[in-house]
Amino acid sequence: MKYAITGGTGHLGSQILQELAKLVPASDIHVGVHTVSKAKKLVEQGFNVKGFDFFDEESLEELLAGTDVFIYVPSKSHTSYSRIGELEKVITAAEHAQVGHVIAMGFIADQVNNPFDLSAFYGYLPRRFAETDLNYTIIRNALYADPLVPYLPELIERKNVIYPMGDEALSFISLEDSAKAFAKVATTSKLRVPGRIYTLSQSRNYTMPELAKVLSEISGSEIGYQPMTLQEFSDTYNEGGEGHMLSSMYDAGGKGFLNIVSDDYQIIMGKPATDLKVFLKSKYSK
């Protein structure tokens, strides 16, 4: 079996790659990267590293040539418009290369009336694949739990969780658990059900007071809940022009779109996803 993956040097893609290498030989995995010189460690690990660009059809088809299972991790572009253009190139290349099965990363903010900046892309993703003759499986992630760890010192200083969420709850999954599930689906034929959509989350969600209580316990500091307005949040976290995208995500959360809980992780892995408190305890050092 030959595997191909994009985003092999990114947050999720790099972890999927390492989990995949525990299940199949590294020599069977082709890793698409934008800058080969930044992927020397992957070459040293025995992966077949190939330079490509999503909008260069020739390089994308070369990456996917002869691929049995392609794990598509989208780029980090901040607009649905650019990601949809990218997806169209991916689908065309996968069709031309006659890829056996595509596993595509989704996100739970994909509802038709979701205000998140990228919801149009995540809603388009499964519908567009359904129009094709490709075998595909979508794996939707809940919010990543990992950013809570480096964010904790700021929350301790503020003494409050500040997400503009009102009374609604958020669901989480760790990058490590997500990566393990992607690798397991990619290498297990009975899990690669054409048209199947898996949703990865922990076994419960958290309102902001509940999240604050967990963070207080982990940090040993009293943390409450005092939300910013959406505009305040956007202005405060606008580094790299990401402010509106981030605030739009919590706008979606405040409307109840990011509270989804699923047992799909247990179906895939045979055990529940790592509990949020357990995860944070393992990652946070006071």
Protein backbone atom coordinates (compact mmCIF):
# COMPACT_ATOMS: atom_id res chain seq x y z
CA MET A 1 0.00 0.00 0.00
CA LYS A 2 1.18 3.46 -0.83
CA TYR A 3 0.12 6.42 1.31
CA ALA A 4 0.35 10.14 0.64
CA ILE A 5 -0.25 13.04 3.01
CA THR A 6 -0.25 16.81 2.80
CA GLY A 7 0.58 19.08 5.73
CA GLY A 8 3.33 16.74 6.90
CA THR A 9 5.20 19.54 8.69
CA GLY A 10 2.08 21.14 10.21
CA HIS A 11 0.52 20.74 13.64
CA LEU A 12 -1.86 17.90 12.79
CA GLY A 13 -0.19 16.51 9.67
CA SER A 14 3.15 15.97 11.38
CA GLN A 15 1.51 13.97 14.16
CA ILE A 16 -0.56 11.92 11.71
CA LEU A 17 2.67 11.15 9.89
CA GLN A 18 4.40 9.85 13.02
CA GLU A 19 1.38 7.74 13.99
CA LEU A 20 1.13 6.38 10.45
CA ALA A 21 4.81 5.40 10.54
CA LYS A 22 4.07 3.21 13.58
CA LEU A 23 1.68 1.17 11.45
CA VAL A 24 3.32 1.05 8.00
CA PRO A 25 6.92 1.45 6.72
CA ALA A 26 8.02 5.07 6.29
CA SER A 27 9.17 4.17 2.77
CA ASP A 28 5.51 3.57 1.85
CA ILE A 29 4.53 7.13 2.78
CA HIS A 30 4.87 10.09 0.43
CA VAL A 31 4.84 13.42 2.24
CA GLY A 32 3.90 16.57 0.38
CA VAL A 33 5.66 19.69 1.66
CA HIS A 34 5.93 23.20 0.28
CA THR A 35 9.62 23.58 1.13
CA VAL A 36 11.69 20.40 0.95
CA SER A 37 14.68 22.02 2.67
CA LYS A 38 12.56 22.40 5.83
CA ALA A 39 11.76 18.68 5.89
CA LYS A 40 15.29 17.21 6.30
CA LYS A 41 14.27 15.30 9.42
CA LEU A 42 11.50 13.58 7.49
CA VAL A 43 13.95 12.54 4.80
CA GLU A 44 16.27 11.18 7.50
CA GLN A 45 13.35 9.16 8.91
CA GLY A 46 12.92 7.43 5.58
CA PHE A 47 9.81 9.19 4.28
CA ASN A 48 9.49 9.97 0.58
CA VAL A 49 9.37 13.76 0.73
CA LYS A 50 8.06 15.60 -2.32
CA GLY A 51 7.79 19.31 -2.93
CA PHE A 52 4.38 20.41 -4.18
CA ASP A 53 1.93 23.27 -4.36
CA PHE A 54 -1.83 22.83 -4.10
CA PHE A 55 -2.28 25.14 -7.09
CA ASP A 56 0.37 23.42 -9.22
CA GLU A 57 -1.58 20.50 -10.69
CA GLU A 58 1.52 18.78 -12.07
CA SER A 59 3.30 18.67 -8.69
CA LEU A 60 0.11 17.56 -6.93
CA GLU A 61 -0.47 14.74 -9.40
CA GLU A 62 3.15 13.63 -9.01
CA LEU A 63 2.63 13.43 -5.24
CA LEU A 64 -0.53 11.35 -5.67
CA ALA A 65 0.61 9.06 -8.50
CA GLY A 66 -0.04 5.43 -7.57
CA THR A 67 -1.50 6.36 -4.17
CA ASP A 68 -3.80 3.88 -2.45
CA VAL A 69 -4.73 6.14 0.49
CA PHE A 70 -4.37 9.92 0.44
CA ILE A 71 -4.74 11.89 3.69
CA TYR A 72 -5.74 15.42 2.78
CA VAL A 73 -4.91 17.97 5.48
CA PRO A 74 -5.88 21.42 4.15
CA SER A 75 -3.57 24.41 4.19
CA LYS A 76 -3.84 27.10 6.87
CA SER A 77 -5.33 29.74 4.56
CA HIS A 78 -7.87 31.91 6.38
CA THR A 79 -10.70 32.14 3.85
CA SER A 80 -13.20 29.62 2.55
CA TYR A 81 -12.68 30.99 -0.95
CA SER A 82 -8.98 30.07 -1.06
CA ARG A 83 -9.51 26.68 0.57
CA ILE A 84 -12.31 25.77 -1.83
CA GLY A 85 -10.00 26.60 -4.75
CA GLU A 86 -7.39 24.35 -3.14
CA LEU A 87 -9.92 21.55 -2.71
CA GLU A 88 -10.88 21.71 -6.37
CA LYS A 89 -7.24 21.18 -7.32
CA VAL A 90 -6.99 18.27 -4.88
CA ILE A 91 -10.06 16.56 -6.30
CA THR A 92 -8.91 17.01 -9.89
CA ALA A 93 -5.46 15.63 -9.10
CA ALA A 94 -6.89 12.70 -7.11
CA GLU A 95 -9.17 11.81 -10.01
CA HIS A 96 -6.37 12.03 -12.59
CA ALA A 97 -4.05 9.97 -10.37
CA GLN A 98 -6.83 7.45 -9.70
CA VAL A 99 -6.27 7.58 -5.96
CA GLY A 100 -7.78 4.57 -4.22
CA HIS A 101 -9.25 6.37 -1.21
CA VAL A 102 -9.16 9.94 0.12
CA ILE A 103 -9.33 10.71 3.85
CA ALA A 104 -10.10 14.40 4.29
CA MET A 105 -9.92 16.52 7.43
CA GLY A 106 -13.12 18.27 8.41
CA PHE A 107 -14.22 20.41 11.35
CA ILE A 108 -17.45 20.44 13.35
CA ALA A 109 -18.17 24.07 12.35
CA ASP A 110 -19.73 23.02 9.04
CA GLN A 111 -23.42 23.84 9.52
CA VAL A 112 -25.16 25.84 6.80
CA ASN A 113 -25.94 28.75 9.17
CA ASN A 114 -22.61 28.75 11.01
CA PRO A 115 -20.91 32.20 11.10
CA PHE A 116 -17.34 30.83 11.39
CA ASP A 117 -15.17 32.27 8.60
CA LEU A 118 -14.25 28.79 7.30
CA SER A 119 -17.64 27.12 7.72
CA ALA A 120 -18.40 27.43 4.00
CA PHE A 121 -15.30 25.39 3.20
CA TYR A 122 -16.03 22.71 5.80
CA GLY A 123 -19.64 22.50 4.61
CA TYR A 124 -18.55 22.33 0.97
CA LEU A 125 -15.97 19.60 1.60
CA PRO A 126 -18.28 16.58 2.07
CA ARG A 127 -20.81 17.80 -0.47
CA ARG A 128 -18.13 18.24 -3.12
CA PHE A 129 -16.62 14.81 -2.50
CA ALA A 130 -20.11 13.30 -2.71
CA GLU A 131 -20.38 14.65 -6.27
CA THR A 132 -17.27 12.76 -7.36
CA ASP A 133 -16.60 9.09 -8.10
CA LEU A 134 -13.76 9.05 -5.56
CA ASN A 135 -13.83 6.77 -2.54
CA TYR A 136 -13.58 9.14 0.42
CA THR A 137 -13.97 9.34 4.19
CA ILE A 138 -14.29 12.59 6.14
CA ILE A 139 -12.87 12.91 9.66
CA ARG A 140 -14.24 15.99 11.48
CA ASN A 141 -12.33 17.31 14.46
CA ALA A 142 -13.72 19.11 17.47
CA LEU A 143 -11.66 22.05 18.75
CA TYR A 144 -8.05 21.15 19.51
CA ALA A 145 -7.35 21.00 23.24
CA ASP A 146 -3.63 21.66 22.75
CA PRO A 147 -3.75 25.50 22.54
CA LEU A 148 -5.20 25.61 26.06
CA VAL A 149 -1.79 24.62 27.45
CA PRO A 150 0.27 27.65 26.28
CA TYR A 151 -2.78 29.87 26.83
CA LEU A 152 -3.09 28.97 30.52
CA PRO A 153 -0.51 31.51 31.84
CA GLU A 154 -2.49 34.33 30.23
CA LEU A 155 -5.76 33.04 31.68
CA ILE A 156 -4.12 32.78 35.10
CA GLU A 157 -3.01 36.41 34.80
CA ARG A 158 -6.47 37.50 33.64
CA LYS A 159 -8.08 35.30 36.33
CA ASN A 160 -10.80 34.46 33.82
CA VAL A 161 -11.67 32.46 30.73
CA ILE A 162 -12.61 35.19 28.27
CA TYR A 163 -14.11 33.32 25.29
CA PRO A 164 -17.28 35.11 24.12
CA MET A 165 -19.44 31.99 24.45
CA GLY A 166 -22.35 32.90 26.71
CA ASP A 167 -23.91 29.79 28.22
CA GLU A 168 -22.90 27.41 25.40
CA ALA A 169 -20.35 24.60 25.54
CA LEU A 170 -17.26 23.60 23.54
CA SER A 171 -16.09 20.12 22.55
CA PHE A 172 -12.39 19.22 22.37
CA ILE A 173 -10.00 16.60 20.98
CA SER A 174 -6.22 16.49 21.35
CA LEU A 175 -3.99 16.62 18.29
CA GLU A 176 -2.42 13.34 19.39
CA ASP A 177 -5.76 11.54 19.61
CA SER A 178 -6.89 12.99 16.29
CA ALA A 179 -3.65 11.86 14.62
CA LYS A 180 -4.01 8.33 16.00
CA ALA A 181 -7.55 8.10 14.64
CA PHE A 182 -6.52 9.38 11.19
CA ALA A 183 -3.69 6.82 11.02
CA LYS A 184 -5.95 3.99 12.17
CA VAL A 185 -8.62 4.77 9.60
CA ALA A 186 -6.00 5.16 6.86
CA THR A 187 -4.54 1.71 7.54
CA THR A 188 -7.73 -0.23 8.36
CA SER A 189 -9.87 -1.21 5.39
CA LYS A 190 -13.03 -1.84 7.42
CA LEU A 191 -12.88 1.71 8.78
CA ARG A 192 -12.38 3.30 5.35
CA VAL A 193 -16.08 3.20 4.60
CA PRO A 194 -16.79 5.19 1.41
CA GLY A 195 -18.85 8.25 2.25
CA ARG A 196 -18.50 7.75 6.02
CA ILE A 197 -18.12 10.88 8.14
CA TYR A 198 -16.45 10.40 11.54
CA THR A 199 -16.52 13.05 14.26
CA LEU A 200 -13.69 13.11 16.80
CA SER A 201 -14.39 14.52 20.23
CA GLN A 202 -13.84 13.74 23.87
CA SER A 203 -16.69 12.07 25.73
CA ARG A 204 -18.16 15.35 27.05
CA ASN A 205 -18.22 19.06 26.31
CA TYR A 206 -17.66 22.03 28.63
CA THR A 207 -19.50 25.25 29.33
CA MET A 208 -17.14 28.09 30.07
CA PRO A 209 -17.66 27.94 33.86
CA GLU A 210 -16.96 24.19 33.66
CA LEU A 211 -13.84 24.82 31.58
CA ALA A 212 -12.70 27.48 34.04
CA LYS A 213 -13.10 24.99 36.89
CA VAL A 214 -10.92 22.43 35.09
CA LEU A 215 -8.26 25.04 34.30
CA SER A 216 -8.29 26.23 37.90
CA GLU A 217 -7.69 22.70 39.14
CA ILE A 218 -4.87 22.08 36.65
CA SER A 219 -3.11 25.40 37.26
CA GLY A 220 -3.70 25.70 40.99
CA SER A 221 -4.96 29.25 40.37
CA GLU A 222 -8.50 30.55 40.64
CA ILE A 223 -9.89 31.12 37.15
CA GLY A 224 -13.44 32.34 36.57
CA TYR A 225 -15.45 33.25 33.50
CA GLN A 226 -15.69 36.84 32.29
CA PRO A 227 -16.27 36.88 28.51
CA MET A 228 -15.04 39.57 26.16
CA THR A 229 -17.33 40.83 23.44
CA LEU A 230 -16.72 39.38 19.99
CA GLN A 231 -15.18 42.69 18.85
CA GLU A 232 -12.91 42.88 21.89
CA PHE A 233 -11.74 39.33 21.27
CA SER A 234 -11.09 40.06 17.58
CA ASP A 235 -9.10 43.20 18.40
CA THR A 236 -7.11 41.51 21.17
CA TYR A 237 -6.05 38.47 19.13
CA ASN A 238 -5.56 40.00 15.71
CA GLU A 239 -1.94 38.92 15.31
CA GLY A 240 -1.38 37.89 11.70
CA GLY A 241 -4.83 39.20 10.80
CA GLU A 242 -6.53 36.22 12.47
CA GLY A 243 -8.70 38.22 14.86
CA HIS A 244 -11.95 38.06 12.91
CA MET A 245 -11.54 34.37 12.10
CA LEU A 246 -11.01 33.55 15.79
CA SER A 247 -13.90 35.70 16.99
CA SER A 248 -16.17 34.20 14.32
CA MET A 249 -15.36 30.74 15.68
CA TYR A 250 -16.54 31.76 19.16
CA ASP A 251 -19.54 33.45 17.57
CA ALA A 252 -20.33 29.98 16.20
CA GLY A 253 -19.67 28.45 19.60
CA GLY A 254 -21.99 30.94 21.27
CA LYS A 255 -24.74 29.79 18.92
CA GLY A 256 -24.27 26.17 20.01
CA PHE A 257 -22.47 24.90 16.91
CA LEU A 258 -19.26 23.68 18.60
CA ASN A 259 -20.67 21.50 21.38
CA ILE A 260 -20.93 18.23 19.42
CA VAL A 261 -19.99 15.04 21.26
CA SER A 262 -19.49 11.74 19.42
CA ASP A 263 -18.37 8.19 20.24
CA ASP A 264 -16.64 7.81 16.86
CA TYR A 265 -13.19 7.94 18.45
CA GLN A 266 -14.07 4.87 20.50
CA ILE A 267 -15.43 3.14 17.39
CA ILE A 268 -12.11 3.77 15.64
CA MET A 269 -9.65 3.22 18.47
CA GLY A 270 -11.56 0.86 20.79
CA LYS A 271 -11.30 3.26 23.73
CA PRO A 272 -12.48 6.78 24.61
CA ALA A 273 -10.49 9.85 23.64
CA THR A 274 -8.22 11.26 26.34
CA ASP A 275 -10.21 13.22 28.92
CA LEU A 276 -9.53 16.96 28.90
CA LYS A 277 -8.37 17.04 32.52
CA VAL A 278 -6.05 14.05 31.98
CA PHE A 279 -4.65 15.65 28.83
CA LEU A 280 -3.99 19.00 30.49
CA LYS A 281 -2.34 17.38 33.51
CA SER A 282 0.04 15.53 31.21
CA LYS A 283 1.03 18.66 29.27
CA TYR A 284 0.99 21.55 31.75
CA SER A 285 3.88 22.29 34.10
CA LYS A 286 3.31 24.93 36.78
